[in-house]
Structures are given as structure tokens and as C-alpha cells.
Amino acid sequence: MEFEYSNGIIRLLGKKLTILDKTVISFISHVPVKYVIVSGYLAILFGRSRNTEDIDIFIEDKGLHEFSRFYDKIISTGKFYAINAENAEDAYELMKEHGSLRLA
């Protein structure tokens, strides 16, 4: 697969977007801070044939206030929900203590 990189953006040339790709794009369009996608999805994105059940995304910690704005916005879309947190404060504490929040 051909790709180009400039100004911190990777563009995949000629890639047909899958439902998984569209879901990831929909999610990250709401992320207001620096982030990086890691793990198995990267292999899929770049053309490897494999399955994954999750997308791992590390996001920059800008504090509870900024996280709450992001969390409330992503939940209010109706497309995503938290599996292991009741609200933004719980989600932020969970990430600080355990390093992960599960959204579906």
C-alpha cells in the first residue's frame, strides 16, 4: 500500500475505507488533543489481513476539565458509550489509576 507523510499526517493512497476505518475516523474526529493509535488496528489500516476486537488509542492528558469536555461530547453523539465508567469523572479517574477506559 502506498502512503505519504507530511505535517504529521499519514495519507493512505487508494485505500478503500472499511466500516472499522469509518468508526475510527468518526471517533478520532472528536478527540481535541494529541493522540496516537497503537496495536493491531495499525496492521489492518496498512493492509494486513487480520482481525481485531478493539482499537487502542493513547490520548494526551490535558486534565479533568478538558477530558470531561471530550467525554461528554463523544457520549452525546449517541454512537459511543462507556463500558466501565458512569460519567466523565469516573472515566478520568479510571484512566489515571488503571491506564484504560473502554468505549464501545
PDB file of N, CA and C in Angstrom:
ATOM      1  N   MET A   1       0.834  -1.170   0.000  1.00  0.00           N
ATOM      2  CA  MET A   1       0.000   0.000   0.000  1.00  0.00           C
ATOM      3  C   MET A   1       0.883   1.239   0.000  1.00  0.00           C
ATOM      4  N   GLU A   2       0.532   2.182  -0.826  1.00  0.00           N
ATOM      5  CA  GLU A   2       1.293   3.420  -0.878  1.00  0.00           C
ATOM      6  C   GLU A   2       0.736   4.417   0.130  1.00  0.00           C
ATOM      7  N   PHE A   3       1.654   5.200   0.694  1.00  0.00           N
ATOM      8  CA  PHE A   3       1.217   6.251   1.608  1.00  0.00           C
ATOM      9  C   PHE A   3       2.176   7.420   1.503  1.00  0.00           C
ATOM     10  N   GLU A   4       1.707   8.563   1.975  1.00  0.00           N
ATOM     11  CA  GLU A   4       2.570   9.741   2.041  1.00  0.00           C
ATOM     12  C   GLU A   4       2.429  10.357   3.424  1.00  0.00           C
ATOM     13  N   TYR A   5       3.490  10.994   3.870  1.00  0.00           N
ATOM     14  CA  TYR A   5       3.515  11.609   5.191  1.00  0.00           C
ATOM     15  C   TYR A   5       3.983  13.048   5.048  1.00  0.00           C
ATOM     16  N   SER A   6       3.210  13.971   5.620  1.00  0.00           N
ATOM     17  CA  SER A   6       3.643  15.365   5.676  1.00  0.00           C
ATOM     18  C   SER A   6       2.880  16.086   6.774  1.00  0.00           C
ATOM     19  N   ASN A   7       3.565  16.982   7.437  1.00  0.00           N
ATOM     20  CA  ASN A   7       2.969  17.788   8.511  1.00  0.00           C
ATOM     21  C   ASN A   7       2.268  16.947   9.579  1.00  0.00           C
ATOM     22  N   GLY A   8       2.842  15.800   9.915  1.00  0.00           N
ATOM     23  CA  GLY A   8       2.291  14.959  10.976  1.00  0.00           C
ATOM     24  C   GLY A   8       1.083  14.141  10.569  1.00  0.00           C
ATOM     25  N   ILE A   9       0.784  14.084   9.279  1.00  0.00           N
ATOM     26  CA  ILE A   9      -0.391  13.357   8.807  1.00  0.00           C
ATOM     27  C   ILE A   9       0.050  12.279   7.819  1.00  0.00           C
ATOM     28  N   ILE A  10      -0.478  11.059   8.013  1.00  0.00           N
ATOM     29  CA  ILE A  10      -0.237   9.956   7.088  1.00  0.00           C
ATOM     30  C   ILE A  10      -1.465   9.835   6.195  1.00  0.00           C
ATOM     31  N   ARG A  11      -1.250   9.824   4.902  1.00  0.00           N
ATOM     32  CA  ARG A  11      -2.336   9.638   3.943  1.00  0.00           C
ATOM     33  C   ARG A  11      -2.106   8.313   3.221  1.00  0.00           C
ATOM     34  N   LEU A  12      -3.109   7.452   3.291  1.00  0.00           N
ATOM     35  CA  LEU A  12      -3.048   6.178   2.588  1.00  0.00           C
ATOM     36  C   LEU A  12      -3.660   6.377   1.212  1.00  0.00           C
ATOM     37  N   LEU A  13      -2.894   6.094   0.191  1.00  0.00           N
ATOM     38  CA  LEU A  13      -3.324   6.357  -1.175  1.00  0.00           C
ATOM     39  C   LEU A  13      -4.051   5.149  -1.742  1.00  0.00           C
ATOM     40  N   GLY A  14      -5.264   5.349  -2.211  1.00  0.00           N
ATOM     41  CA  GLY A  14      -6.033   4.289  -2.848  1.00  0.00           C
ATOM     42  C   GLY A  14      -6.690   3.318  -1.881  1.00  0.00           C
ATOM     43  N   LYS A  15      -6.683   3.604  -0.596  1.00  0.00           N
ATOM     44  CA  LYS A  15      -7.312   2.685   0.369  1.00  0.00           C
ATOM     45  C   LYS A  15      -8.821   2.878   0.360  1.00  0.00           C
ATOM     46  N   LYS A  16      -9.538   1.768   0.265  1.00  0.00           N
ATOM     47  CA  LYS A  16     -10.981   1.789   0.397  1.00  0.00           C
ATOM     48  C   LYS A  16     -11.308   1.688   1.884  1.00  0.00           C
ATOM     49  N   LEU A  17     -12.081   2.638   2.391  1.00  0.00           N
ATOM     50  CA  LEU A  17     -12.395   2.645   3.815  1.00  0.00           C
ATOM     51  C   LEU A  17     -13.382   1.533   4.162  1.00  0.00           C
ATOM     52  N   THR A  18     -13.073   0.805   5.239  1.00  0.00           N
ATOM     53  CA  THR A  18     -13.953  -0.240   5.752  1.00  0.00           C
ATOM     54  C   THR A  18     -14.856   0.361   6.829  1.00  0.00           C
ATOM     55  N   ILE A  19     -15.797  -0.416   7.312  1.00  0.00           N
ATOM     56  CA  ILE A  19     -16.653   0.029   8.412  1.00  0.00           C
ATOM     57  C   ILE A  19     -15.788   0.322   9.642  1.00  0.00           C
ATOM     58  N   LEU A  20     -14.788  -0.513   9.884  1.00  0.00           N
ATOM     59  CA  LEU A  20     -13.885  -0.293  11.013  1.00  0.00           C
ATOM     60  C   LEU A  20     -13.145   1.035  10.854  1.00  0.00           C
ATOM     61  N   ASP A  21     -12.628   1.313   9.662  1.00  0.00           N
ATOM     62  CA  ASP A  21     -11.946   2.582   9.404  1.00  0.00           C
ATOM     63  C   ASP A  21     -12.875   3.761   9.664  1.00  0.00           C
ATOM     64  N   LYS A  22     -14.092   3.673   9.176  1.00  0.00           N
ATOM     65  CA  LYS A  22     -15.056   4.765   9.341  1.00  0.00           C
ATOM     66  C   LYS A  22     -15.409   4.984  10.810  1.00  0.00           C
ATOM     67  N   THR A  23     -15.479   3.903  11.586  1.00  0.00           N
ATOM     68  CA  THR A  23     -15.746   4.028  13.019  1.00  0.00           C
ATOM     69  C   THR A  23     -14.597   4.741  13.718  1.00  0.00           C
ATOM     70  N   VAL A  24     -13.375   4.367  13.388  1.00  0.00           N
ATOM     71  CA  VAL A  24     -12.196   5.007  13.983  1.00  0.00           C
ATOM     72  C   VAL A  24     -12.165   6.484  13.599  1.00  0.00           C
ATOM     73  N   ILE A  25     -12.392   6.790  12.347  1.00  0.00           N
ATOM     74  CA  ILE A  25     -12.393   8.187  11.887  1.00  0.00           C
ATOM     75  C   ILE A  25     -13.471   8.979  12.615  1.00  0.00           C
ATOM     76  N   SER A  26     -14.646   8.400  12.763  1.00  0.00           N
ATOM     77  CA  SER A  26     -15.727   9.068  13.480  1.00  0.00           C
ATOM     78  C   SER A  26     -15.316   9.383  14.913  1.00  0.00           C
ATOM     79  N   PHE A  27     -14.674   8.419  15.563  1.00  0.00           N
ATOM     80  CA  PHE A  27     -14.253   8.619  16.952  1.00  0.00           C
ATOM     81  C   PHE A  27     -13.171   9.685  17.056  1.00  0.00           C
ATOM     82  N   ILE A  28     -12.118   9.557  16.277  1.00  0.00           N
ATOM     83  CA  ILE A  28     -10.991  10.481  16.429  1.00  0.00           C
ATOM     84  C   ILE A  28     -11.333  11.902  15.978  1.00  0.00           C
ATOM     85  N   SER A  29     -12.401  12.046  15.198  1.00  0.00           N
ATOM     86  CA  SER A  29     -12.805  13.402  14.812  1.00  0.00           C
ATOM     87  C   SER A  29     -13.260  14.211  16.021  1.00  0.00           C
ATOM     88  N   HIS A  30     -13.540  13.536  17.139  1.00  0.00           N
ATOM     89  CA  HIS A  30     -13.968  14.202  18.366  1.00  0.00           C
ATOM     90  C   HIS A  30     -12.834  14.399  19.370  1.00  0.00           C
ATOM     91  N   VAL A  31     -11.664  13.869  19.075  1.00  0.00           N
ATOM     92  CA  VAL A  31     -10.548  13.938  20.027  1.00  0.00           C
ATOM     93  C   VAL A  31      -9.851  15.300  19.884  1.00  0.00           C
ATOM     94  N   PRO A  32      -9.927  16.154  20.940  1.00  0.00           N
ATOM     95  CA  PRO A  32      -9.398  17.511  20.834  1.00  0.00           C
ATOM     96  C   PRO A  32      -7.932  17.653  21.229  1.00  0.00           C
ATOM     97  N   VAL A  33      -7.273  16.552  21.527  1.00  0.00           N
ATOM     98  CA  VAL A  33      -5.883  16.593  21.984  1.00  0.00           C
ATOM     99  C   VAL A  33      -5.039  15.670  21.105  1.00  0.00           C
ATOM    100  N   LYS A  34      -3.731  15.702  21.305  1.00  0.00           N
ATOM    101  CA  LYS A  34      -2.853  14.799  20.562  1.00  0.00           C
ATOM    102  C   LYS A  34      -3.191  13.357  20.934  1.00  0.00           C
ATOM    103  N   TYR A  35      -3.111  12.487  19.953  1.00  0.00           N
ATOM    104  CA  TYR A  35      -3.394  11.072  20.192  1.00  0.00           C
ATOM    105  C   TYR A  35      -2.524  10.234  19.270  1.00  0.00           C
ATOM    106  N   VAL A  36      -2.438   8.961  19.607  1.00  0.00           N
ATOM    107  CA  VAL A  36      -1.752   8.010  18.738  1.00  0.00           C
ATOM    108  C   VAL A  36      -2.531   6.699  18.784  1.00  0.00           C
ATOM    109  N   ILE A  37      -2.740   6.126  17.606  1.00  0.00           N
ATOM    110  CA  ILE A  37      -3.399   4.830  17.503  1.00  0.00           C
ATOM    111  C   ILE A  37      -2.306   3.777  17.519  1.00  0.00           C
ATOM    112  N   VAL A  38      -2.467   2.772  18.368  1.00  0.00           N
ATOM    113  CA  VAL A  38      -1.459   1.731  18.517  1.00  0.00           C
ATOM    114  C   VAL A  38      -2.108   0.355  18.363  1.00  0.00           C
ATOM    115  N   SER A  39      -1.275  -0.671  18.305  1.00  0.00           N
ATOM    116  CA  SER A  39      -1.702  -2.059  18.360  1.00  0.00           C
ATOM    117  C   SER A  39      -2.157  -2.601  17.009  1.00  0.00           C
ATOM    118  N   GLY A  40      -3.011  -3.611  17.041  1.00  0.00           N
ATOM    119  CA  GLY A  40      -3.369  -4.385  15.865  1.00  0.00           C
ATOM    120  C   GLY A  40      -4.060  -3.623  14.758  1.00  0.00           C
ATOM    121  N   TYR A  41      -4.822  -2.599  15.109  1.00  0.00           N
ATOM    122  CA  TYR A  41      -5.525  -1.852  14.065  1.00  0.00           C
ATOM    123  C   TYR A  41      -4.559  -1.236  13.061  1.00  0.00           C
ATOM    124  N   LEU A  42      -3.375  -0.860  13.502  1.00  0.00           N
ATOM    125  CA  LEU A  42      -2.403  -0.277  12.570  1.00  0.00           C
ATOM    126  C   LEU A  42      -2.051  -1.248  11.450  1.00  0.00           C
ATOM    127  N   ALA A  43      -1.881  -2.509  11.806  1.00  0.00           N
ATOM    128  CA  ALA A  43      -1.580  -3.516  10.788  1.00  0.00           C
ATOM    129  C   ALA A  43      -2.726  -3.622   9.793  1.00  0.00           C
ATOM    130  N   ILE A  44      -3.954  -3.593  10.293  1.00  0.00           N
ATOM    131  CA  ILE A  44      -5.131  -3.657   9.422  1.00  0.00           C
ATOM    132  C   ILE A  44      -5.193  -2.420   8.535  1.00  0.00           C
ATOM    133  N   LEU A  45      -4.981  -1.258   9.124  1.00  0.00           N
ATOM    134  CA  LEU A  45      -5.031   0.002   8.389  1.00  0.00           C
ATOM    135  C   LEU A  45      -4.056   0.010   7.219  1.00  0.00           C
ATOM    136  N   PHE A  46      -2.880  -0.563   7.437  1.00  0.00           N
ATOM    137  CA  PHE A  46      -1.863  -0.578   6.392  1.00  0.00           C
ATOM    138  C   PHE A  46      -1.931  -1.806   5.492  1.00  0.00           C
ATOM    139  N   GLY A  47      -3.068  -2.558   5.559  1.00  0.00           N
ATOM    140  CA  GLY A  47      -3.303  -3.594   4.570  1.00  0.00           C
ATOM    141  C   GLY A  47      -3.117  -5.026   4.990  1.00  0.00           C
ATOM    142  N   ARG A  48      -2.702  -5.279   6.219  1.00  0.00           N
ATOM    143  CA  ARG A  48      -2.535  -6.664   6.652  1.00  0.00           C
ATOM    144  C   ARG A  48      -3.898  -7.280   6.927  1.00  0.00           C
ATOM    145  N   SER A  49      -4.072  -8.518   6.539  1.00  0.00           N
ATOM    146  CA  SER A  49      -5.327  -9.225   6.769  1.00  0.00           C
ATOM    147  C   SER A  49      -5.277  -9.884   8.147  1.00  0.00           C
ATOM    148  N   ARG A  50      -6.020  -9.334   9.063  1.00  0.00           N
ATOM    149  CA  ARG A  50      -6.120  -9.890  10.419  1.00  0.00           C
ATOM    150  C   ARG A  50      -7.351  -9.320  11.082  1.00  0.00           C
ATOM    151  N   ASN A  51      -7.733  -9.873  12.205  1.00  0.00           N
ATOM    152  CA  ASN A  51      -8.898  -9.405  12.957  1.00  0.00           C
ATOM    153  C   ASN A  51      -8.454  -8.703  14.225  1.00  0.00           C
ATOM    154  N   THR A  52      -9.290  -7.809  14.688  1.00  0.00           N
ATOM    155  CA  THR A  52      -9.075  -7.187  15.990  1.00  0.00           C
ATOM    156  C   THR A  52     -10.430  -6.920  16.613  1.00  0.00           C
ATOM    157  N   GLU A  53     -10.474  -6.953  17.911  1.00  0.00           N
ATOM    158  CA  GLU A  53     -11.720  -6.676  18.619  1.00  0.00           C
ATOM    159  C   GLU A  53     -11.706  -5.313  19.292  1.00  0.00           C
ATOM    160  N   ASP A  54     -10.579  -4.612  19.208  1.00  0.00           N
ATOM    161  CA  ASP A  54     -10.521  -3.303  19.835  1.00  0.00           C
ATOM    162  C   ASP A  54      -9.539  -2.399  19.106  1.00  0.00           C
ATOM    163  N   ILE A  55      -9.671  -1.124  19.361  1.00  0.00           N
ATOM    164  CA  ILE A  55      -8.762  -0.117  18.826  1.00  0.00           C
ATOM    165  C   ILE A  55      -8.141   0.564  20.033  1.00  0.00           C
ATOM    166  N   ASP A  56      -6.832   0.531  20.125  1.00  0.00           N
ATOM    167  CA  ASP A  56      -6.130   1.143  21.251  1.00  0.00           C
ATOM    168  C   ASP A  56      -5.645   2.526  20.848  1.00  0.00           C
ATOM    169  N   ILE A  57      -6.069   3.525  21.622  1.00  0.00           N
ATOM    170  CA  ILE A  57      -5.706   4.906  21.336  1.00  0.00           C
ATOM    171  C   ILE A  57      -5.185   5.539  22.617  1.00  0.00           C
ATOM    172  N   PHE A  58      -3.972   6.056  22.551  1.00  0.00           N
ATOM    173  CA  PHE A  58      -3.429   6.828  23.667  1.00  0.00           C
ATOM    174  C   PHE A  58      -3.744   8.292  23.398  1.00  0.00           C
ATOM    175  N   ILE A  59      -4.287   8.979  24.406  1.00  0.00           N
ATOM    176  CA  ILE A  59      -4.580  10.393  24.245  1.00  0.00           C
ATOM    177  C   ILE A  59      -3.780  11.214  25.247  1.00  0.00           C
ATOM    178  N   GLU A  60      -3.469  12.411  24.840  1.00  0.00           N
ATOM    179  CA  GLU A  60      -2.717  13.334  25.690  1.00  0.00           C
ATOM    180  C   GLU A  60      -3.566  13.732  26.898  1.00  0.00           C
ATOM    181  N   ASP A  61      -2.964  13.747  28.070  1.00  0.00           N
ATOM    182  CA  ASP A  61      -3.661  14.132  29.297  1.00  0.00           C
ATOM    183  C   ASP A  61      -3.599  15.650  29.452  1.00  0.00           C
ATOM    184  N   LYS A  62      -4.748  16.273  29.320  1.00  0.00           N
ATOM    185  CA  LYS A  62      -4.851  17.733  29.494  1.00  0.00           C
ATOM    186  C   LYS A  62      -5.652  18.085  30.740  1.00  0.00           C
ATOM    187  N   GLY A  63      -5.855  17.102  31.621  1.00  0.00           N
ATOM    188  CA  GLY A  63      -6.580  17.353  32.861  1.00  0.00           C
ATOM    189  C   GLY A  63      -8.055  16.992  32.760  1.00  0.00           C
ATOM    190  N   LEU A  64      -8.693  16.979  33.922  1.00  0.00           N
ATOM    191  CA  LEU A  64     -10.092  16.557  34.019  1.00  0.00           C
ATOM    192  C   LEU A  64     -11.023  17.457  33.217  1.00  0.00           C
ATOM    193  N   HIS A  65     -10.845  18.755  33.275  1.00  0.00           N
ATOM    194  CA  HIS A  65     -11.762  19.662  32.579  1.00  0.00           C
ATOM    195  C   HIS A  65     -11.783  19.381  31.075  1.00  0.00           C
ATOM    196  N   GLU A  66     -10.619  19.330  30.449  1.00  0.00           N
ATOM    197  CA  GLU A  66     -10.543  19.075  29.005  1.00  0.00           C
ATOM    198  C   GLU A  66     -11.055  17.668  28.672  1.00  0.00           C
ATOM    199  N   PHE A  67     -10.706  16.686  29.518  1.00  0.00           N
ATOM    200  CA  PHE A  67     -11.187  15.327  29.287  1.00  0.00           C
ATOM    201  C   PHE A  67     -12.704  15.277  29.381  1.00  0.00           C
ATOM    202  N   SER A  68     -13.287  15.951  30.357  1.00  0.00           N
ATOM    203  CA  SER A  68     -14.745  15.955  30.530  1.00  0.00           C
ATOM    204  C   SER A  68     -15.447  16.523  29.300  1.00  0.00           C
ATOM    205  N   ARG A  69     -14.888  17.565  28.731  1.00  0.00           N
ATOM    206  CA  ARG A  69     -15.465  18.141  27.503  1.00  0.00           C
ATOM    207  C   ARG A  69     -15.460  17.113  26.379  1.00  0.00           C
ATOM    208  N   PHE A  70     -14.316  16.428  26.206  1.00  0.00           N
ATOM    209  CA  PHE A  70     -14.208  15.392  25.183  1.00  0.00           C
ATOM    210  C   PHE A  70     -15.180  14.246  25.460  1.00  0.00           C
ATOM    211  N   TYR A  71     -15.176  13.737  26.693  1.00  0.00           N
ATOM    212  CA  TYR A  71     -16.004  12.592  27.062  1.00  0.00           C
ATOM    213  C   TYR A  71     -17.489  12.908  26.845  1.00  0.00           C
ATOM    214  N   ASP A  72     -17.933  14.052  27.342  1.00  0.00           N
ATOM    215  CA  ASP A  72     -19.344  14.420  27.201  1.00  0.00           C
ATOM    216  C   ASP A  72     -19.729  14.568  25.730  1.00  0.00           C
ATOM    217  N   LYS A  73     -18.825  15.109  24.928  1.00  0.00           N
ATOM    218  CA  LYS A  73     -19.094  15.286  23.500  1.00  0.00           C
ATOM    219  C   LYS A  73     -19.202  13.934  22.801  1.00  0.00           C
ATOM    220  N   ILE A  74     -18.277  13.030  23.085  1.00  0.00           N
ATOM    221  CA  ILE A  74     -18.281  11.732  22.410  1.00  0.00           C
ATOM    222  C   ILE A  74     -19.500  10.897  22.823  1.00  0.00           C
ATOM    223  N   ILE A  75     -19.877  10.957  24.090  1.00  0.00           N
ATOM    224  CA  ILE A  75     -21.045  10.211  24.560  1.00  0.00           C
ATOM    225  C   ILE A  75     -22.330  10.804  23.981  1.00  0.00           C
ATOM    226  N   SER A  76     -22.391  12.130  23.890  1.00  0.00           N
ATOM    227  CA  SER A  76     -23.612  12.784  23.398  1.00  0.00           C
ATOM    228  C   SER A  76     -23.887  12.509  21.923  1.00  0.00           C
ATOM    229  N   THR A  77     -22.896  12.004  21.172  1.00  0.00           N
ATOM    230  CA  THR A  77     -23.139  11.671  19.767  1.00  0.00           C
ATOM    231  C   THR A  77     -24.122  10.513  19.634  1.00  0.00           C
ATOM    232  N   GLY A  78     -24.231   9.695  20.692  1.00  0.00           N
ATOM    233  CA  GLY A  78     -25.084   8.516  20.632  1.00  0.00           C
ATOM    234  C   GLY A  78     -24.441   7.350  19.902  1.00  0.00           C
ATOM    235  N   LYS A  79     -23.214   7.541  19.392  1.00  0.00           N
ATOM    236  CA  LYS A  79     -22.516   6.482  18.663  1.00  0.00           C
ATOM    237  C   LYS A  79     -21.632   5.639  19.576  1.00  0.00           C
ATOM    238  N   PHE A  80     -21.258   6.203  20.722  1.00  0.00           N
ATOM    239  CA  PHE A  80     -20.314   5.544  21.620  1.00  0.00           C
ATOM    240  C   PHE A  80     -20.837   5.595  23.052  1.00  0.00           C
ATOM    241  N   TYR A  81     -20.444   4.599  23.842  1.00  0.00           N
ATOM    242  CA  TYR A  81     -20.784   4.596  25.262  1.00  0.00           C
ATOM    243  C   TYR A  81     -19.635   3.965  26.042  1.00  0.00           C
ATOM    244  N   ALA A  82     -19.555   4.342  27.307  1.00  0.00           N
ATOM    245  CA  ALA A  82     -18.500   3.799  28.169  1.00  0.00           C
ATOM    246  C   ALA A  82     -18.963   2.473  28.760  1.00  0.00           C
ATOM    247  N   ILE A  83     -18.092   1.494  28.719  1.00  0.00           N
ATOM    248  CA  ILE A  83     -18.398   0.178  29.280  1.00  0.00           C
ATOM    249  C   ILE A  83     -18.107   0.143  30.772  1.00  0.00           C
ATOM    250  N   ASN A  84     -17.044   0.822  31.192  1.00  0.00           N
ATOM    251  CA  ASN A  84     -16.595   0.684  32.572  1.00  0.00           C
ATOM    252  C   ASN A  84     -16.557   2.003  33.350  1.00  0.00           C
ATOM    253  N   ALA A  85     -17.414   2.971  32.980  1.00  0.00           N
ATOM    254  CA  ALA A  85     -17.481   4.229  33.720  1.00  0.00           C
ATOM    255  C   ALA A  85     -18.880   4.825  33.574  1.00  0.00           C
ATOM    256  N   GLU A  86     -19.324   5.484  34.630  1.00  0.00           N
ATOM    257  CA  GLU A  86     -20.656   6.087  34.635  1.00  0.00           C
ATOM    258  C   GLU A  86     -20.675   7.514  34.115  1.00  0.00           C
ATOM    259  N   ASN A  87     -19.557   8.232  34.264  1.00  0.00           N
ATOM    260  CA  ASN A  87     -19.513   9.643  33.875  1.00  0.00           C
ATOM    261  C   ASN A  87     -18.063  10.035  33.599  1.00  0.00           C
ATOM    262  N   ALA A  88     -17.868  11.276  33.211  1.00  0.00           N
ATOM    263  CA  ALA A  88     -16.533  11.754  32.820  1.00  0.00           C
ATOM    264  C   ALA A  88     -15.537  11.666  33.974  1.00  0.00           C
ATOM    265  N   GLU A  89     -15.976  12.023  35.180  1.00  0.00           N
ATOM    266  CA  GLU A  89     -15.065  11.988  36.323  1.00  0.00           C
ATOM    267  C   GLU A  89     -14.610  10.567  36.628  1.00  0.00           C
ATOM    268  N   ASP A  90     -15.565   9.626  36.607  1.00  0.00           N
ATOM    269  CA  ASP A  90     -15.222   8.215  36.830  1.00  0.00           C
ATOM    270  C   ASP A  90     -14.263   7.717  35.739  1.00  0.00           C
ATOM    271  N   ALA A  91     -14.546   8.093  34.492  1.00  0.00           N
ATOM    272  CA  ALA A  91     -13.714   7.668  33.366  1.00  0.00           C
ATOM    273  C   ALA A  91     -12.296   8.207  33.504  1.00  0.00           C
ATOM    274  N   TYR A  92     -12.166   9.469  33.874  1.00  0.00           N
ATOM    275  CA  TYR A  92     -10.848  10.088  34.023  1.00  0.00           C
ATOM    276  C   TYR A  92     -10.063   9.410  35.145  1.00  0.00           C
ATOM    277  N   GLU A  93     -10.701   9.189  36.274  1.00  0.00           N
ATOM    278  CA  GLU A  93     -10.028   8.516  37.399  1.00  0.00           C
ATOM    279  C   GLU A  93      -9.611   7.100  37.020  1.00  0.00           C
ATOM    280  N   LEU A  94     -10.469   6.404  36.300  1.00  0.00           N
ATOM    281  CA  LEU A  94     -10.157   5.052  35.850  1.00  0.00           C
ATOM    282  C   LEU A  94      -8.908   5.061  34.969  1.00  0.00           C
ATOM    283  N   MET A  95      -8.834   6.018  34.067  1.00  0.00           N
ATOM    284  CA  MET A  95      -7.660   6.109  33.198  1.00  0.00           C
ATOM    285  C   MET A  95      -6.412   6.458  33.995  1.00  0.00           C
ATOM    286  N   LYS A  96      -6.535   7.359  34.948  1.00  0.00           N
ATOM    287  CA  LYS A  96      -5.377   7.755  35.761  1.00  0.00           C
ATOM    288  C   LYS A  96      -4.884   6.587  36.611  1.00  0.00           C
ATOM    289  N   GLU A  97      -5.812   5.823  37.184  1.00  0.00           N
ATOM    290  CA  GLU A  97      -5.438   4.730  38.083  1.00  0.00           C
ATOM    291  C   GLU A  97      -5.036   3.457  37.339  1.00  0.00           C
ATOM    292  N   HIS A  98      -5.741   3.131  36.269  1.00  0.00           N
ATOM    293  CA  HIS A  98      -5.550   1.844  35.606  1.00  0.00           C
ATOM    294  C   HIS A  98      -5.068   1.942  34.167  1.00  0.00           C
ATOM    295  N   GLY A  99      -5.043   3.155  33.626  1.00  0.00           N
ATOM    296  CA  GLY A  99      -4.498   3.363  32.298  1.00  0.00           C
ATOM    297  C   GLY A  99      -5.413   3.081  31.128  1.00  0.00           C
ATOM    298  N   SER A 100      -6.681   2.682  31.406  1.00  0.00           N
ATOM    299  CA  SER A 100      -7.536   2.417  30.256  1.00  0.00           C
ATOM    300  C   SER A 100      -8.998   2.675  30.567  1.00  0.00           C
ATOM    301  N   LEU A 101      -9.675   3.105  29.535  1.00  0.00           N
ATOM    302  CA  LEU A 101     -11.114   3.309  29.551  1.00  0.00           C
ATOM    303  C   LEU A 101     -11.645   2.529  28.369  1.00  0.00           C
ATOM    304  N   ARG A 102     -12.748   1.844  28.564  1.00  0.00           N
ATOM    305  CA  ARG A 102     -13.324   1.040  27.475  1.00  0.00           C
ATOM    306  C   ARG A 102     -14.556   1.733  26.940  1.00  0.00           C
ATOM    307  N   LEU A 103     -14.498   2.086  25.673  1.00  0.00           N
ATOM    308  CA  LEU A 103     -15.638   2.676  24.979  1.00  0.00           C
ATOM    309  C   LEU A 103     -16.065   1.720  23.864  1.00  0.00           C
ATOM    310  N   ALA A 104     -17.347   1.650  23.639  1.00  0.00           N
ATOM    311  CA  ALA A 104     -17.884   0.794  22.558  1.00  0.00           C
ATOM    312  C   ALA A 104     -18.754   1.632  21.658  1.00  0.00           C
TER     313      ALA A 104
END
